[in-house]
């Protein structure tokens, strides 16, 4: 299969769905499901403006800061707990209880404590993303092969070298899996928090359009959120590929050896 065919193949299903949407929305003539071309026109009109860019910038800034806090805190605390067995046993019930709390259910509490500014949105995004990163980091660090750890001690590697050259690379796949889940949670909580307690952002724009019966604008907001989710996942794939390139290299060697 040529490179062009391989690149075009994943686009067939999205293109087919868009074609079905285009035909169905024009045939149906429903107030709630306007024609696709009208939605795309509203998308260009609403989002390629100073106000639109301002809403996008506000939402993505909150998402980036909240996600960054979740990753840094989750990895740092996860490494500490993952290395100390008694600490894992001591904290496990607490973390199991806290991660069972749906983050959107904490919105009233976060509004009461942090108000309705950016701090509240960053806080709820960080809380929702923290536990996937934390639990995956703990599991990844705790499951590092003891033989590998013993070998690092035999070679007299310093503790920092054992952490950054042995433990974190070995736990890398699980940590990145937790970060991917945290990113999905962060995008969801970004939207939900703006719908409930904001006067700006993509979530506020979308729900405000629904409340005022501006269905074209509402669909334009939904299309933007779908595109953002797609782009963020693709960017995460690039980052993950760079962070775990050693693992992909090992897989390639293993496949070549068969």
C-alpha atoms as a PDB file:
ATOM      1  CA  UNK A   1       0.000   0.000   0.000  1.00  0.00           C
ATOM      2  CA  UNK A   2       1.433   3.373  -1.017  1.00  0.00           C
ATOM      3  CA  UNK A   3       1.996   6.167   1.478  1.00  0.00           C
ATOM      4  CA  UNK A   4      -0.796   8.239  -0.129  1.00  0.00           C
ATOM      5  CA  UNK A   5      -3.339   5.428   0.238  1.00  0.00           C
ATOM      6  CA  UNK A   6      -2.220   4.770   3.803  1.00  0.00           C
ATOM      7  CA  UNK A   7      -2.641   8.450   4.692  1.00  0.00           C
ATOM      8  CA  UNK A   8      -6.025   8.707   2.924  1.00  0.00           C
ATOM      9  CA  UNK A   9      -7.536   5.546   4.415  1.00  0.00           C
ATOM     10  CA  UNK A  10      -8.241   7.005   7.918  1.00  0.00           C
ATOM     11  CA  UNK A  11     -10.039   9.944   6.254  1.00  0.00           C
ATOM     12  CA  UNK A  12     -12.617   7.788   4.480  1.00  0.00           C
ATOM     13  CA  UNK A  13     -14.893   7.246   7.487  1.00  0.00           C
ATOM     14  CA  UNK A  14     -14.907  10.939   8.608  1.00  0.00           C
ATOM     15  CA  UNK A  15     -15.515  12.027   5.008  1.00  0.00           C
ATOM     16  CA  UNK A  16     -18.388   9.553   4.700  1.00  0.00           C
ATOM     17  CA  UNK A  17     -19.961  10.744   7.959  1.00  0.00           C
ATOM     18  CA  UNK A  18     -19.696  14.376   6.872  1.00  0.00           C
ATOM     19  CA  UNK A  19     -21.363  13.519   3.577  1.00  0.00           C
ATOM     20  CA  UNK A  20     -24.223  11.733   5.374  1.00  0.00           C
ATOM     21  CA  UNK A  21     -24.583  14.714   7.750  1.00  0.00           C
ATOM     22  CA  UNK A  22     -24.637  17.160   4.835  1.00  0.00           C
ATOM     23  CA  UNK A  23     -27.323  15.249   2.921  1.00  0.00           C
ATOM     24  CA  UNK A  24     -29.454  14.416   5.966  1.00  0.00           C
ATOM     25  CA  UNK A  25     -29.383  17.949   7.415  1.00  0.00           C
ATOM     26  CA  UNK A  26     -30.447  19.447   4.082  1.00  0.00           C
ATOM     27  CA  UNK A  27     -33.249  16.937   3.562  1.00  0.00           C
ATOM     28  CA  UNK A  28     -34.578  17.095   7.123  1.00  0.00           C
ATOM     29  CA  UNK A  29     -34.879  20.892   7.399  1.00  0.00           C
ATOM     30  CA  UNK A  30     -35.078  20.685  11.199  1.00  0.00           C
ATOM     31  CA  UNK A  31     -34.762  23.780  13.395  1.00  0.00           C
ATOM     32  CA  UNK A  32     -32.586  21.854  15.836  1.00  0.00           C
ATOM     33  CA  UNK A  33     -30.362  20.250  13.176  1.00  0.00           C
ATOM     34  CA  UNK A  34     -29.554  23.015  10.683  1.00  0.00           C
ATOM     35  CA  UNK A  35     -27.755  22.293   7.385  1.00  0.00           C
ATOM     36  CA  UNK A  36     -24.065  21.540   7.719  1.00  0.00           C
ATOM     37  CA  UNK A  37     -23.001  24.328   5.369  1.00  0.00           C
ATOM     38  CA  UNK A  38     -24.859  26.855   7.564  1.00  0.00           C
ATOM     39  CA  UNK A  39     -23.104  25.511  10.667  1.00  0.00           C
ATOM     40  CA  UNK A  40     -19.701  25.843   8.987  1.00  0.00           C
ATOM     41  CA  UNK A  41     -20.570  29.389   7.901  1.00  0.00           C
ATOM     42  CA  UNK A  42     -21.538  30.265  11.482  1.00  0.00           C
ATOM     43  CA  UNK A  43     -18.323  28.617  12.691  1.00  0.00           C
ATOM     44  CA  UNK A  44     -16.207  30.878  10.499  1.00  0.00           C
ATOM     45  CA  UNK A  45     -18.249  33.941  11.386  1.00  0.00           C
ATOM     46  CA  UNK A  46     -18.233  33.397  15.153  1.00  0.00           C
ATOM     47  CA  UNK A  47     -14.786  32.018  15.911  1.00  0.00           C
ATOM     48  CA  UNK A  48     -12.551  33.918  13.486  1.00  0.00           C
ATOM     49  CA  UNK A  49     -13.183  37.163  15.352  1.00  0.00           C
ATOM     50  CA  UNK A  50     -11.415  38.932  18.247  1.00  0.00           C
ATOM     51  CA  UNK A  51     -14.132  37.760  20.660  1.00  0.00           C
ATOM     52  CA  UNK A  52     -13.914  34.209  19.365  1.00  0.00           C
ATOM     53  CA  UNK A  53     -10.137  34.112  19.731  1.00  0.00           C
ATOM     54  CA  UNK A  54     -10.519  35.566  23.222  1.00  0.00           C
ATOM     55  CA  UNK A  55     -12.896  32.774  24.256  1.00  0.00           C
ATOM     56  CA  UNK A  56     -10.610  30.117  22.781  1.00  0.00           C
ATOM     57  CA  UNK A  57      -7.552  31.617  24.471  1.00  0.00           C
ATOM     58  CA  UNK A  58      -9.305  31.789  27.850  1.00  0.00           C
ATOM     59  CA  UNK A  59     -10.451  28.164  27.672  1.00  0.00           C
ATOM     60  CA  UNK A  60      -7.128  26.754  26.476  1.00  0.00           C
ATOM     61  CA  UNK A  61      -5.163  28.720  29.080  1.00  0.00           C
ATOM     62  CA  UNK A  62      -7.259  27.263  31.894  1.00  0.00           C
ATOM     63  CA  UNK A  63      -6.943  23.790  30.399  1.00  0.00           C
ATOM     64  CA  UNK A  64      -3.161  24.051  29.971  1.00  0.00           C
ATOM     65  CA  UNK A  65      -2.532  25.320  33.511  1.00  0.00           C
ATOM     66  CA  UNK A  66      -4.909  22.840  35.149  1.00  0.00           C
ATOM     67  CA  UNK A  67      -3.546  19.918  33.134  1.00  0.00           C
ATOM     68  CA  UNK A  68       0.038  20.951  33.893  1.00  0.00           C
ATOM     69  CA  UNK A  69      -0.667  21.088  37.636  1.00  0.00           C
ATOM     70  CA  UNK A  70      -2.340  17.655  37.486  1.00  0.00           C
ATOM     71  CA  UNK A  71       0.616  16.085  35.676  1.00  0.00           C
ATOM     72  CA  UNK A  72       3.363  17.613  37.812  1.00  0.00           C
ATOM     73  CA  UNK A  73       1.596  16.906  41.120  1.00  0.00           C
ATOM     74  CA  UNK A  74       0.412  13.451  40.043  1.00  0.00           C
ATOM     75  CA  UNK A  75       3.850  12.294  38.898  1.00  0.00           C
ATOM     76  CA  UNK A  76       5.729  13.796  41.861  1.00  0.00           C
ATOM     77  CA  UNK A  77       3.409  12.360  44.532  1.00  0.00           C
ATOM     78  CA  UNK A  78       2.981   9.113  42.594  1.00  0.00           C
ATOM     79  CA  UNK A  79       6.725   8.493  42.471  1.00  0.00           C
ATOM     80  CA  UNK A  80       7.028   9.064  46.224  1.00  0.00           C
ATOM     81  CA  UNK A  81       4.140   6.752  47.096  1.00  0.00           C
ATOM     82  CA  UNK A  82       5.105   4.158  44.490  1.00  0.00           C
ATOM     83  CA  UNK A  83       8.548   3.735  46.014  1.00  0.00           C
ATOM     84  CA  UNK A  84       7.354   3.295  49.622  1.00  0.00           C
ATOM     85  CA  UNK A  85       5.190   0.218  50.140  1.00  0.00           C
ATOM     86  CA  UNK A  86       3.771   1.151  53.550  1.00  0.00           C
ATOM     87  CA  UNK A  87       2.831   4.595  52.226  1.00  0.00           C
ATOM     88  CA  UNK A  88       0.927   2.964  49.350  1.00  0.00           C
ATOM     89  CA  UNK A  89      -1.063   0.823  51.764  1.00  0.00           C
ATOM     90  CA  UNK A  90      -1.717   3.797  54.032  1.00  0.00           C
ATOM     91  CA  UNK A  91      -2.969   6.131  51.293  1.00  0.00           C
ATOM     92  CA  UNK A  92      -4.813   3.643  49.074  1.00  0.00           C
ATOM     93  CA  UNK A  93      -8.223   3.898  50.850  1.00  0.00           C
ATOM     94  CA  UNK A  94      -8.083   7.703  50.815  1.00  0.00           C
ATOM     95  CA  UNK A  95      -7.262   7.865  47.114  1.00  0.00           C
ATOM     96  CA  UNK A  96      -9.885   5.257  46.258  1.00  0.00           C
ATOM     97  CA  UNK A  97     -12.480   7.415  48.026  1.00  0.00           C
ATOM     98  CA  UNK A  98     -11.400  10.711  46.469  1.00  0.00           C
ATOM     99  CA  UNK A  99     -11.033   9.456  42.906  1.00  0.00           C
ATOM    100  CA  UNK A 100     -14.537   7.995  43.134  1.00  0.00           C
ATOM    101  CA  UNK A 101     -15.959  11.499  43.490  1.00  0.00           C
ATOM    102  CA  UNK A 102     -17.179  12.801  40.104  1.00  0.00           C
ATOM    103  CA  UNK A 103     -15.311  16.040  39.545  1.00  0.00           C
ATOM    104  CA  UNK A 104     -18.381  17.864  38.100  1.00  0.00           C
ATOM    105  CA  UNK A 105     -20.219  17.159  41.376  1.00  0.00           C
ATOM    106  CA  UNK A 106     -17.609  19.298  43.145  1.00  0.00           C
ATOM    107  CA  UNK A 107     -18.403  22.384  41.061  1.00  0.00           C
ATOM    108  CA  UNK A 108     -20.663  23.952  43.740  1.00  0.00           C
ATOM    109  CA  UNK A 109     -17.934  23.487  46.352  1.00  0.00           C
ATOM    110  CA  UNK A 110     -15.238  24.871  44.046  1.00  0.00           C
ATOM    111  CA  UNK A 111     -17.396  27.922  43.272  1.00  0.00           C
ATOM    112  CA  UNK A 112     -17.969  28.502  46.975  1.00  0.00           C
ATOM    113  CA  UNK A 113     -14.253  28.268  47.767  1.00  0.00           C
ATOM    114  CA  UNK A 114     -12.667  29.808  44.668  1.00  0.00           C
ATOM    115  CA  UNK A 115     -15.393  31.969  43.143  1.00  0.00           C
ATOM    116  CA  UNK A 116     -16.138  31.954  39.415  1.00  0.00           C
ATOM    117  CA  UNK A 117     -12.793  33.196  38.107  1.00  0.00           C
ATOM    118  CA  UNK A 118     -10.008  31.359  36.344  1.00  0.00           C
ATOM    119  CA  UNK A 119      -8.777  29.884  39.644  1.00  0.00           C
ATOM    120  CA  UNK A 120     -11.973  27.864  40.027  1.00  0.00           C
ATOM    121  CA  UNK A 121     -11.759  26.416  36.521  1.00  0.00           C
ATOM    122  CA  UNK A 122      -8.060  25.622  36.835  1.00  0.00           C
ATOM    123  CA  UNK A 123      -8.686  23.996  40.217  1.00  0.00           C
ATOM    124  CA  UNK A 124     -11.475  21.702  39.007  1.00  0.00           C
ATOM    125  CA  UNK A 125      -9.472  20.703  35.918  1.00  0.00           C
ATOM    126  CA  UNK A 126      -6.422  19.952  38.065  1.00  0.00           C
ATOM    127  CA  UNK A 127      -8.498  17.906  40.526  1.00  0.00           C
ATOM    128  CA  UNK A 128     -10.121  15.844  37.783  1.00  0.00           C
ATOM    129  CA  UNK A 129      -6.821  15.123  36.026  1.00  0.00           C
ATOM    130  CA  UNK A 130      -4.735  14.535  39.148  1.00  0.00           C
ATOM    131  CA  UNK A 131      -6.002  11.080  40.082  1.00  0.00           C
ATOM    132  CA  UNK A 132      -5.534   9.303  36.723  1.00  0.00           C
ATOM    133  CA  UNK A 133      -1.924  10.528  36.618  1.00  0.00           C
ATOM    134  CA  UNK A 134      -1.346   9.730  40.297  1.00  0.00           C
ATOM    135  CA  UNK A 135      -2.739   6.183  40.249  1.00  0.00           C
ATOM    136  CA  UNK A 136      -0.998   5.244  37.006  1.00  0.00           C
ATOM    137  CA  UNK A 137       2.291   6.641  38.283  1.00  0.00           C
ATOM    138  CA  UNK A 138       1.991   4.694  41.540  1.00  0.00           C
ATOM    139  CA  UNK A 139       1.245   1.455  39.673  1.00  0.00           C
ATOM    140  CA  UNK A 140       4.022   2.072  37.167  1.00  0.00           C
ATOM    141  CA  UNK A 141       6.696   2.833  39.767  1.00  0.00           C
ATOM    142  CA  UNK A 142       5.613  -0.037  42.038  1.00  0.00           C
ATOM    143  CA  UNK A 143       5.731  -2.542  39.174  1.00  0.00           C
ATOM    144  CA  UNK A 144       9.288  -1.785  38.006  1.00  0.00           C
ATOM    145  CA  UNK A 145      11.152  -5.081  37.683  1.00  0.00           C
ATOM    146  CA  UNK A 146      13.074  -5.716  40.961  1.00  0.00           C
ATOM    147  CA  UNK A 147      15.912  -7.259  38.951  1.00  0.00           C
ATOM    148  CA  UNK A 148      16.383  -4.023  37.052  1.00  0.00           C
ATOM    149  CA  UNK A 149      16.407  -2.066  40.299  1.00  0.00           C
ATOM    150  CA  UNK A 150      18.978  -4.437  41.807  1.00  0.00           C
ATOM    151  CA  UNK A 151      21.189  -4.071  38.745  1.00  0.00           C
ATOM    152  CA  UNK A 152      21.067  -0.286  39.051  1.00  0.00           C
ATOM    153  CA  UNK A 153      22.265  -0.601  42.650  1.00  0.00           C
ATOM    154  CA  UNK A 154      25.024  -3.005  41.600  1.00  0.00           C
ATOM    155  CA  UNK A 155      26.253  -0.449  39.098  1.00  0.00           C
ATOM    156  CA  UNK A 156      26.145   2.118  41.930  1.00  0.00           C
ATOM    157  CA  UNK A 157      23.849   4.547  40.208  1.00  0.00           C
ATOM    158  CA  UNK A 158      22.911   7.519  42.321  1.00  0.00           C
ATOM    159  CA  UNK A 159      19.287   7.734  43.527  1.00  0.00           C
ATOM    160  CA  UNK A 160      18.502  10.514  41.046  1.00  0.00           C
ATOM    161  CA  UNK A 161      19.988   8.469  38.202  1.00  0.00           C
ATOM    162  CA  UNK A 162      17.976   5.401  39.271  1.00  0.00           C
ATOM    163  CA  UNK A 163      14.838   7.514  39.241  1.00  0.00           C
ATOM    164  CA  UNK A 164      15.323   9.260  35.891  1.00  0.00           C
ATOM    165  CA  UNK A 165      17.135   6.493  34.014  1.00  0.00           C
ATOM    166  CA  UNK A 166      15.437   3.394  35.398  1.00  0.00           C
ATOM    167  CA  UNK A 167      12.169   3.945  37.288  1.00  0.00           C
ATOM    168  CA  UNK A 168      10.531   6.716  35.252  1.00  0.00           C
ATOM    169  CA  UNK A 169      11.372   5.199  31.826  1.00  0.00           C
ATOM    170  CA  UNK A 170      10.050   1.811  32.982  1.00  0.00           C
ATOM    171  CA  UNK A 171       6.845   3.420  34.301  1.00  0.00           C
ATOM    172  CA  UNK A 172       6.604   5.766  31.304  1.00  0.00           C
ATOM    173  CA  UNK A 173       3.887   3.899  29.365  1.00  0.00           C
ATOM    174  CA  UNK A 174       1.550   3.825  32.370  1.00  0.00           C
ATOM    175  CA  UNK A 175       2.263   7.454  33.240  1.00  0.00           C
ATOM    176  CA  UNK A 176       1.507   8.559  29.686  1.00  0.00           C
ATOM    177  CA  UNK A 177      -1.708   6.520  29.715  1.00  0.00           C
ATOM    178  CA  UNK A 178      -2.755   8.386  32.874  1.00  0.00           C
ATOM    179  CA  UNK A 179      -1.870  11.710  31.241  1.00  0.00           C
ATOM    180  CA  UNK A 180      -4.031  10.868  28.223  1.00  0.00           C
ATOM    181  CA  UNK A 181      -7.018  10.168  30.492  1.00  0.00           C
ATOM    182  CA  UNK A 182      -6.288  13.370  32.427  1.00  0.00           C
ATOM    183  CA  UNK A 183      -6.304  15.366  29.184  1.00  0.00           C
ATOM    184  CA  UNK A 184      -9.732  13.976  28.260  1.00  0.00           C
ATOM    185  CA  UNK A 185     -11.048  14.758  31.740  1.00  0.00           C
ATOM    186  CA  UNK A 186      -9.523  18.227  31.557  1.00  0.00           C
ATOM    187  CA  UNK A 187     -11.256  19.049  28.276  1.00  0.00           C
ATOM    188  CA  UNK A 188     -14.587  17.854  29.665  1.00  0.00           C
ATOM    189  CA  UNK A 189     -14.199  19.803  32.910  1.00  0.00           C
ATOM    190  CA  UNK A 190     -13.077  22.904  31.031  1.00  0.00           C
ATOM    191  CA  UNK A 191     -16.396  22.910  29.175  1.00  0.00           C
ATOM    192  CA  UNK A 192     -18.568  21.978  32.163  1.00  0.00           C
ATOM    193  CA  UNK A 193     -17.031  24.600  34.455  1.00  0.00           C
ATOM    194  CA  UNK A 194     -17.541  27.318  31.821  1.00  0.00           C
ATOM    195  CA  UNK A 195     -21.145  26.265  31.304  1.00  0.00           C
ATOM    196  CA  UNK A 196     -21.887  26.540  35.026  1.00  0.00           C
ATOM    197  CA  UNK A 197     -19.784  29.446  36.269  1.00  0.00           C
ATOM    198  CA  UNK A 198     -18.400  31.708  33.583  1.00  0.00           C
ATOM    199  CA  UNK A 199     -19.086  34.647  31.320  1.00  0.00           C
ATOM    200  CA  UNK A 200     -16.478  33.696  28.730  1.00  0.00           C
ATOM    201  CA  UNK A 201     -14.962  30.643  27.108  1.00  0.00           C
ATOM    202  CA  UNK A 202     -16.133  28.017  24.642  1.00  0.00           C
ATOM    203  CA  UNK A 203     -18.421  26.276  27.115  1.00  0.00           C
ATOM    204  CA  UNK A 204     -20.161  29.509  28.101  1.00  0.00           C
ATOM    205  CA  UNK A 205     -20.577  30.518  24.460  1.00  0.00           C
ATOM    206  CA  UNK A 206     -22.141  27.153  23.559  1.00  0.00           C
ATOM    207  CA  UNK A 207     -24.611  26.983  26.437  1.00  0.00           C
ATOM    208  CA  UNK A 208     -25.529  30.670  26.056  1.00  0.00           C
ATOM    209  CA  UNK A 209     -26.337  30.061  22.382  1.00  0.00           C
ATOM    210  CA  UNK A 210     -28.567  27.138  23.384  1.00  0.00           C
ATOM    211  CA  UNK A 211     -30.374  29.215  26.022  1.00  0.00           C
ATOM    212  CA  UNK A 212     -31.088  31.990  23.518  1.00  0.00           C
ATOM    213  CA  UNK A 213     -32.195  29.566  20.756  1.00  0.00           C
ATOM    214  CA  UNK A 214     -29.243  30.382  18.509  1.00  0.00           C
ATOM    215  CA  UNK A 215     -28.850  26.832  17.279  1.00  0.00           C
ATOM    216  CA  UNK A 216     -26.396  27.612  14.494  1.00  0.00           C
ATOM    217  CA  UNK A 217     -24.024  29.193  17.016  1.00  0.00           C
ATOM    218  CA  UNK A 218     -24.562  26.293  19.419  1.00  0.00           C
ATOM    219  CA  UNK A 219     -23.567  23.800  16.731  1.00  0.00           C
ATOM    220  CA  UNK A 220     -20.576  25.978  15.825  1.00  0.00           C
ATOM    221  CA  UNK A 221     -19.413  25.707  19.450  1.00  0.00           C
ATOM    222  CA  UNK A 222     -19.846  21.918  19.389  1.00  0.00           C
ATOM    223  CA  UNK A 223     -17.850  21.657  16.158  1.00  0.00           C
ATOM    224  CA  UNK A 224     -15.050  23.724  17.704  1.00  0.00           C
ATOM    225  CA  UNK A 225     -14.952  21.470  20.781  1.00  0.00           C
ATOM    226  CA  UNK A 226     -14.786  18.367  18.582  1.00  0.00           C
ATOM    227  CA  UNK A 227     -11.915  19.866  16.581  1.00  0.00           C
ATOM    228  CA  UNK A 228     -10.078  20.853  19.759  1.00  0.00           C
ATOM    229  CA  UNK A 229     -10.413  17.331  21.138  1.00  0.00           C
ATOM    230  CA  UNK A 230      -9.056  15.901  17.886  1.00  0.00           C
ATOM    231  CA  UNK A 231      -6.123  18.315  17.682  1.00  0.00           C
ATOM    232  CA  UNK A 232      -5.171  17.874  21.352  1.00  0.00           C
ATOM    233  CA  UNK A 233      -5.167  14.090  20.991  1.00  0.00           C
ATOM    234  CA  UNK A 234      -2.946  14.309  17.919  1.00  0.00           C
ATOM    235  CA  UNK A 235      -0.548  16.634  19.729  1.00  0.00           C
ATOM    236  CA  UNK A 236      -0.496  14.227  22.654  1.00  0.00           C
ATOM    237  CA  UNK A 237       0.371  11.395  20.242  1.00  0.00           C
ATOM    238  CA  UNK A 238       3.389  13.391  19.063  1.00  0.00           C
ATOM    239  CA  UNK A 239       4.551  14.078  22.627  1.00  0.00           C
ATOM    240  CA  UNK A 240       3.992  10.468  23.650  1.00  0.00           C
ATOM    241  CA  UNK A 241       5.960   9.260  20.637  1.00  0.00           C
ATOM    242  CA  UNK A 242       8.924  11.394  21.652  1.00  0.00           C
ATOM    243  CA  UNK A 243       8.773  10.493  25.344  1.00  0.00           C
ATOM    244  CA  UNK A 244       8.418   6.761  24.662  1.00  0.00           C
ATOM    245  CA  UNK A 245      10.524   6.538  21.510  1.00  0.00           C
ATOM    246  CA  UNK A 246      12.875   4.082  23.253  1.00  0.00           C
ATOM    247  CA  UNK A 247       9.952   1.713  23.814  1.00  0.00           C
ATOM    248  CA  UNK A 248       8.827   1.904  20.205  1.00  0.00           C
ATOM    249  CA  UNK A 249      12.413   1.188  19.206  1.00  0.00           C
ATOM    250  CA  UNK A 250      12.431  -1.941  21.360  1.00  0.00           C
ATOM    251  CA  UNK A 251       9.142  -3.059  19.836  1.00  0.00           C
ATOM    252  CA  UNK A 252      10.602  -2.606  16.371  1.00  0.00           C
ATOM    253  CA  UNK A 253      13.635  -4.698  17.275  1.00  0.00           C
ATOM    254  CA  UNK A 254      11.446  -7.391  18.789  1.00  0.00           C
ATOM    255  CA  UNK A 255       9.240  -7.471  15.676  1.00  0.00           C
ATOM    256  CA  UNK A 256      12.256  -7.616  13.387  1.00  0.00           C
ATOM    257  CA  UNK A 257      13.665 -10.531  15.393  1.00  0.00           C
ATOM    258  CA  UNK A 258      10.585 -12.699  14.862  1.00  0.00           C
END
